[in-house]
Amino acid sequence: MSLDSTLVGRTFPATAPYRVSHEKVTEFARATGTPYAADGPVPATFPIVLAFAAMNDFLDTVGVDLSRIVHGEQKFAYERPIRTGDVLTTALTVASLRQIGGNDIIGTRSDVTDADGSLVCSTSAVLVHRGGTA
């Protein structure tokens, strides 16, 4: 089943607030093999935790099974560093959608904002939704 092209430009509701804690950053750093010290900066790729939650909400909303997704690309653009204690939410927008060989190529942008609503980081991703039957 191909996705509907009217999804392009649609922004999905923001994720629930997420408090960035030392414990969560430590778990992320250990899982990814990224150096992290308690008083150091949060790893630059940490926003994937937030973007992944927004992506899962998006996939649930449009009825796509995560097992049919191949992650094609990920980029991060920062307005400021993420700090422990930040309370962040993420809203995903479908930036592009095209079909190639029965697969959907989905471009997404996820804006990570702080408790004041200020943009902290934007992430962009390319997702390949594999067509055909499971």
Foldseek 3Di string as FASTA:
>chain_A
DFADQVLAFDKDDKDAWDAAALVVLVVVCVVVVNDDDSPDFRDPPVCVVQVVVQVVVVCVVRVADPVQKDWDDKDKDFPATDDGGWTKIKMKGFNGWDDDPQKIWTKIKIFIATPVRHTGMIMITIMIRHGDDD
